[in-house]
């Protein structure tokens, strides 16, 4: 694994941990369901963008 790929993989791992911990720690007082849903949507979009940059040069 290249150093660049390792950096992106660790970033995705941090996003995954945040997706599990933020709704149960920081947003415990938010009573609406869309509080967690918004966080998960933003983190998913960031992960999709990272995956795009990781895979855009695979065919070359």
PDB file of N, CA and C in Angstrom:
ATOM      1  N   UNK A   1       0.848  -1.171   0.000  1.00  0.00           N
ATOM      2  CA  UNK A   1       0.000   0.000   0.000  1.00  0.00           C
ATOM      3  C   UNK A   1       0.894   1.235   0.000  1.00  0.00           C
ATOM      4  N   UNK A   2       0.569   2.154  -0.876  1.00  0.00           N
ATOM      5  CA  UNK A   2       1.342   3.387  -0.955  1.00  0.00           C
ATOM      6  C   UNK A   2       1.053   4.263   0.262  1.00  0.00           C
ATOM      7  N   UNK A   3       1.963   5.163   0.507  1.00  0.00           N
ATOM      8  CA  UNK A   3       1.815   6.059   1.658  1.00  0.00           C
ATOM      9  C   UNK A   3       0.560   6.921   1.534  1.00  0.00           C
ATOM     10  N   UNK A   4       0.267   7.368   0.314  1.00  0.00           N
ATOM     11  CA  UNK A   4      -0.917   8.178   0.075  1.00  0.00           C
ATOM     12  C   UNK A   4      -2.190   7.381   0.361  1.00  0.00           C
ATOM     13  N   UNK A   5      -2.208   6.122  -0.069  1.00  0.00           N
ATOM     14  CA  UNK A   5      -3.369   5.278   0.187  1.00  0.00           C
ATOM     15  C   UNK A   5      -3.550   5.005   1.671  1.00  0.00           C
ATOM     16  N   UNK A   6      -2.463   4.849   2.378  1.00  0.00           N
ATOM     17  CA  UNK A   6      -2.534   4.630   3.820  1.00  0.00           C
ATOM     18  C   UNK A   6      -3.121   5.846   4.529  1.00  0.00           C
ATOM     19  N   UNK A   7      -2.726   7.024   4.088  1.00  0.00           N
ATOM     20  CA  UNK A   7      -3.259   8.260   4.672  1.00  0.00           C
ATOM     21  C   UNK A   7      -4.773   8.338   4.480  1.00  0.00           C
ATOM     22  N   UNK A   8      -5.235   8.037   3.272  1.00  0.00           N
ATOM     23  CA  UNK A   8      -6.678   8.087   2.999  1.00  0.00           C
ATOM     24  C   UNK A   8      -7.421   6.988   3.748  1.00  0.00           C
ATOM     25  N   UNK A   9      -6.812   5.822   3.872  1.00  0.00           N
ATOM     26  CA  UNK A   9      -7.451   4.724   4.604  1.00  0.00           C
ATOM     27  C   UNK A   9      -7.602   5.083   6.080  1.00  0.00           C
ATOM     28  N   UNK A  10      -6.608   5.704   6.650  1.00  0.00           N
ATOM     29  CA  UNK A  10      -6.708   6.136   8.048  1.00  0.00           C
ATOM     30  C   UNK A  10      -7.763   7.232   8.211  1.00  0.00           C
ATOM     31  N   UNK A  11      -7.874   8.103   7.219  1.00  0.00           N
ATOM     32  CA  UNK A  11      -8.904   9.135   7.265  1.00  0.00           C
ATOM     33  C   UNK A  11     -10.297   8.518   7.243  1.00  0.00           C
ATOM     34  N   UNK A  12     -10.495   7.511   6.395  1.00  0.00           N
ATOM     35  CA  UNK A  12     -11.784   6.825   6.342  1.00  0.00           C
ATOM     36  C   UNK A  12     -12.050   6.091   7.653  1.00  0.00           C
ATOM     37  N   UNK A  13     -11.030   5.517   8.245  1.00  0.00           N
ATOM     38  CA  UNK A  13     -11.196   4.845   9.534  1.00  0.00           C
ATOM     39  C   UNK A  13     -11.622   5.841  10.618  1.00  0.00           C
ATOM     40  N   UNK A  14     -11.039   7.018  10.624  1.00  0.00           N
ATOM     41  CA  UNK A  14     -11.424   8.050  11.589  1.00  0.00           C
ATOM     42  C   UNK A  14     -12.875   8.474  11.361  1.00  0.00           C
ATOM     43  N   UNK A  15     -13.272   8.605  10.098  1.00  0.00           N
ATOM     44  CA  UNK A  15     -14.658   8.960   9.787  1.00  0.00           C
ATOM     45  C   UNK A  15     -15.601   7.869  10.270  1.00  0.00           C
ATOM     46  N   UNK A  16     -15.218   6.627  10.100  1.00  0.00           N
ATOM     47  CA  UNK A  16     -16.045   5.510  10.567  1.00  0.00           C
ATOM     48  C   UNK A  16     -16.220   5.550  12.086  1.00  0.00           C
ATOM     49  N   UNK A  17     -15.138   5.819  12.795  1.00  0.00           N
ATOM     50  CA  UNK A  17     -15.226   5.912  14.258  1.00  0.00           C
ATOM     51  C   UNK A  17     -16.101   7.096  14.662  1.00  0.00           C
ATOM     52  N   UNK A  18     -15.961   8.207  13.975  1.00  0.00           N
ATOM     53  CA  UNK A  18     -16.793   9.369  14.276  1.00  0.00           C
ATOM     54  C   UNK A  18     -18.264   9.089  14.023  1.00  0.00           C
ATOM     55  N   UNK A  19     -18.563   8.315  12.987  1.00  0.00           N
ATOM     56  CA  UNK A  19     -19.953   7.996  12.662  1.00  0.00           C
ATOM     57  C   UNK A  19     -20.614   7.194  13.777  1.00  0.00           C
ATOM     58  N   UNK A  20     -19.841   6.405  14.484  1.00  0.00           N
ATOM     59  CA  UNK A  20     -20.393   5.637  15.600  1.00  0.00           C
ATOM     60  C   UNK A  20     -20.403   6.411  16.911  1.00  0.00           C
ATOM     61  N   UNK A  21     -19.399   7.239  17.144  1.00  0.00           N
ATOM     62  CA  UNK A  21     -19.282   7.884  18.447  1.00  0.00           C
ATOM     63  C   UNK A  21     -20.031   9.213  18.572  1.00  0.00           C
ATOM     64  N   UNK A  22     -20.052  10.016  17.532  1.00  0.00           N
ATOM     65  CA  UNK A  22     -20.680  11.333  17.637  1.00  0.00           C
ATOM     66  C   UNK A  22     -22.154  11.288  18.033  1.00  0.00           C
ATOM     67  N   UNK A  23     -22.980  10.459  17.407  1.00  0.00           N
ATOM     68  CA  UNK A  23     -24.401  10.466  17.801  1.00  0.00           C
ATOM     69  C   UNK A  23     -24.637  10.034  19.243  1.00  0.00           C
ATOM     70  N   UNK A  24     -23.761   9.231  19.794  1.00  0.00           N
ATOM     71  CA  UNK A  24     -23.974   8.728  21.152  1.00  0.00           C
ATOM     72  C   UNK A  24     -23.238   9.527  22.215  1.00  0.00           C
ATOM     73  N   UNK A  25     -22.402  10.482  21.805  1.00  0.00           N
ATOM     74  CA  UNK A  25     -21.681  11.295  22.779  1.00  0.00           C
ATOM     75  C   UNK A  25     -22.057  12.766  22.664  1.00  0.00           C
ATOM     76  N   UNK A  26     -21.733  13.371  21.549  1.00  0.00           N
ATOM     77  CA  UNK A  26     -21.951  14.806  21.377  1.00  0.00           C
ATOM     78  C   UNK A  26     -23.433  15.127  21.192  1.00  0.00           C
ATOM     79  N   UNK A  27     -24.132  14.285  20.443  1.00  0.00           N
ATOM     80  CA  UNK A  27     -25.529  14.567  20.106  1.00  0.00           C
ATOM     81  C   UNK A  27     -26.533  13.795  20.959  1.00  0.00           C
ATOM     82  N   UNK A  28     -26.179  13.453  22.171  1.00  0.00           N
ATOM     83  CA  UNK A  28     -27.118  12.709  23.014  1.00  0.00           C
ATOM     84  C   UNK A  28     -28.310  13.558  23.440  1.00  0.00           C
ATOM     85  N   UNK A  29     -28.138  14.864  23.496  1.00  0.00           N
ATOM     86  CA  UNK A  29     -29.238  15.734  23.900  1.00  0.00           C
ATOM     87  C   UNK A  29     -30.127  16.165  22.739  1.00  0.00           C
ATOM     88  N   UNK A  30     -29.764  15.805  21.517  1.00  0.00           N
ATOM     89  CA  UNK A  30     -30.590  16.132  20.356  1.00  0.00           C
ATOM     90  C   UNK A  30     -31.694  15.097  20.277  1.00  0.00           C
ATOM     91  N   UNK A  31     -32.925  15.540  20.432  1.00  0.00           N
ATOM     92  CA  UNK A  31     -34.051  14.603  20.469  1.00  0.00           C
ATOM     93  C   UNK A  31     -34.617  14.305  19.093  1.00  0.00           C
ATOM     94  N   UNK A  32     -34.234  15.056  18.104  1.00  0.00           N
ATOM     95  CA  UNK A  32     -34.735  14.827  16.746  1.00  0.00           C
ATOM     96  C   UNK A  32     -33.855  13.799  16.041  1.00  0.00           C
ATOM     97  N   UNK A  33     -34.466  12.960  15.228  1.00  0.00           N
ATOM     98  CA  UNK A  33     -33.726  11.900  14.542  1.00  0.00           C
ATOM     99  C   UNK A  33     -32.807  12.444  13.478  1.00  0.00           C
ATOM    100  N   UNK A  34     -33.121  13.621  12.926  1.00  0.00           N
ATOM    101  CA  UNK A  34     -32.317  14.145  11.822  1.00  0.00           C
ATOM    102  C   UNK A  34     -30.990  14.718  12.292  1.00  0.00           C
ATOM    103  N   UNK A  35     -30.744  14.824  13.579  1.00  0.00           N
ATOM    104  CA  UNK A  35     -29.437  15.259  14.064  1.00  0.00           C
ATOM    105  C   UNK A  35     -28.357  14.249  13.701  1.00  0.00           C
ATOM    106  N   UNK A  36     -28.618  12.997  14.020  1.00  0.00           N
ATOM    107  CA  UNK A  36     -27.666  11.943  13.664  1.00  0.00           C
ATOM    108  C   UNK A  36     -27.652  11.692  12.168  1.00  0.00           C
ATOM    109  N   UNK A  37     -28.818  11.782  11.546  1.00  0.00           N
ATOM    110  CA  UNK A  37     -28.894  11.527  10.111  1.00  0.00           C
ATOM    111  C   UNK A  37     -28.067  12.537   9.328  1.00  0.00           C
ATOM    112  N   UNK A  38     -28.076  13.797   9.747  1.00  0.00           N
ATOM    113  CA  UNK A  38     -27.274  14.819   9.080  1.00  0.00           C
ATOM    114  C   UNK A  38     -25.788  14.516   9.219  1.00  0.00           C
ATOM    115  N   UNK A  39     -25.356  14.113  10.395  1.00  0.00           N
ATOM    116  CA  UNK A  39     -23.944  13.773  10.612  1.00  0.00           C
ATOM    117  C   UNK A  39     -23.555  12.597   9.735  1.00  0.00           C
ATOM    118  N   UNK A  40     -24.391  11.549   9.693  1.00  0.00           N
ATOM    119  CA  UNK A  40     -24.083  10.379   8.877  1.00  0.00           C
ATOM    120  C   UNK A  40     -24.054  10.716   7.394  1.00  0.00           C
ATOM    121  N   UNK A  41     -24.933  11.613   6.960  1.00  0.00           N
ATOM    122  CA  UNK A  41     -24.950  12.009   5.555  1.00  0.00           C
ATOM    123  C   UNK A  41     -23.685  12.773   5.183  1.00  0.00           C
ATOM    124  N   UNK A  42     -23.281  13.701   6.020  1.00  0.00           N
ATOM    125  CA  UNK A  42     -22.058  14.476   5.743  1.00  0.00           C
ATOM    126  C   UNK A  42     -20.832  13.570   5.747  1.00  0.00           C
ATOM    127  N   UNK A  43     -20.738  12.677   6.725  1.00  0.00           N
ATOM    128  CA  UNK A  43     -19.589  11.767   6.779  1.00  0.00           C
ATOM    129  C   UNK A  43     -19.584  10.809   5.587  1.00  0.00           C
ATOM    130  N   UNK A  44     -20.743  10.382   5.144  1.00  0.00           N
ATOM    131  CA  UNK A  44     -20.815   9.505   3.967  1.00  0.00           C
ATOM    132  C   UNK A  44     -20.375  10.245   2.711  1.00  0.00           C
ATOM    133  N   UNK A  45     -20.774  11.495   2.563  1.00  0.00           N
ATOM    134  CA  UNK A  45     -20.340  12.273   1.400  1.00  0.00           C
ATOM    135  C   UNK A  45     -18.830  12.493   1.400  1.00  0.00           C
ATOM    136  N   UNK A  46     -18.263  12.749   2.560  1.00  0.00           N
ATOM    137  CA  UNK A  46     -16.810  12.902   2.655  1.00  0.00           C
ATOM    138  C   UNK A  46     -16.117  11.598   2.270  1.00  0.00           C
ATOM    139  N   UNK A  47     -16.650  10.467   2.710  1.00  0.00           N
ATOM    140  CA  UNK A  47     -16.067   9.172   2.380  1.00  0.00           C
ATOM    141  C   UNK A  47     -16.176   8.890   0.885  1.00  0.00           C
ATOM    142  N   UNK A  48     -17.285   9.243   0.264  1.00  0.00           N
ATOM    143  CA  UNK A  48     -17.446   9.056  -1.181  1.00  0.00           C
ATOM    144  C   UNK A  48     -16.433   9.894  -1.946  1.00  0.00           C
ATOM    145  N   UNK A  49     -16.211  11.120  -1.518  1.00  0.00           N
ATOM    146  CA  UNK A  49     -15.232  11.982  -2.176  1.00  0.00           C
ATOM    147  C   UNK A  49     -13.823  11.411  -2.026  1.00  0.00           C
ATOM    148  N   UNK A  50     -13.485  10.928  -0.841  1.00  0.00           N
ATOM    149  CA  UNK A  50     -12.173  10.319  -0.629  1.00  0.00           C
ATOM    150  C   UNK A  50     -11.999   9.091  -1.520  1.00  0.00           C
ATOM    151  N   UNK A  51     -13.043   8.264  -1.613  1.00  0.00           N
ATOM    152  CA  UNK A  51     -12.961   7.081  -2.471  1.00  0.00           C
ATOM    153  C   UNK A  51     -12.809   7.459  -3.935  1.00  0.00           C
ATOM    154  N   UNK A  52     -13.415   8.540  -4.347  1.00  0.00           N
ATOM    155  CA  UNK A  52     -13.235   9.007  -5.725  1.00  0.00           C
ATOM    156  C   UNK A  52     -11.767   9.344  -5.988  1.00  0.00           C
ATOM    157  N   UNK A  53     -11.155  10.091  -5.090  1.00  0.00           N
ATOM    158  CA  UNK A  53      -9.748  10.448  -5.280  1.00  0.00           C
ATOM    159  C   UNK A  53      -8.827   9.236  -5.195  1.00  0.00           C
ATOM    160  N   UNK A  54      -9.203   8.243  -4.426  1.00  0.00           N
ATOM    161  CA  UNK A  54      -8.394   7.030  -4.341  1.00  0.00           C
ATOM    162  C   UNK A  54      -8.464   6.200  -5.618  1.00  0.00           C
ATOM    163  N   UNK A  55      -9.600   6.181  -6.272  1.00  0.00           N
ATOM    164  CA  UNK A  55      -9.788   5.273  -7.401  1.00  0.00           C
ATOM    165  C   UNK A  55      -9.723   5.953  -8.766  1.00  0.00           C
ATOM    166  N   UNK A  56      -9.545   7.245  -8.847  1.00  0.00           N
ATOM    167  CA  UNK A  56      -9.576   7.911 -10.147  1.00  0.00           C
ATOM    168  C   UNK A  56      -8.382   7.556 -11.030  1.00  0.00           C
ATOM    169  N   UNK A  57      -7.268   7.156 -10.475  1.00  0.00           N
ATOM    170  CA  UNK A  57      -6.075   6.845 -11.270  1.00  0.00           C
ATOM    171  C   UNK A  57      -5.812   5.353 -11.413  1.00  0.00           C
ATOM    172  N   UNK A  58      -6.752   4.495 -11.056  1.00  0.00           N
ATOM    173  CA  UNK A  58      -6.512   3.065 -11.122  1.00  0.00           C
ATOM    174  C   UNK A  58      -6.353   2.542 -12.546  1.00  0.00           C
ATOM    175  N   UNK A  59      -7.003   3.142 -13.498  1.00  0.00           N
ATOM    176  CA  UNK A  59      -6.927   2.646 -14.862  1.00  0.00           C
ATOM    177  C   UNK A  59      -5.657   3.046 -15.591  1.00  0.00           C
ATOM    178  N   UNK A  60      -4.877   3.901 -15.009  1.00  0.00           N
ATOM    179  CA  UNK A  60      -3.674   4.409 -15.695  1.00  0.00           C
ATOM    180  C   UNK A  60      -2.448   3.609 -15.335  1.00  0.00           C
TER     181      UNK A  60
END
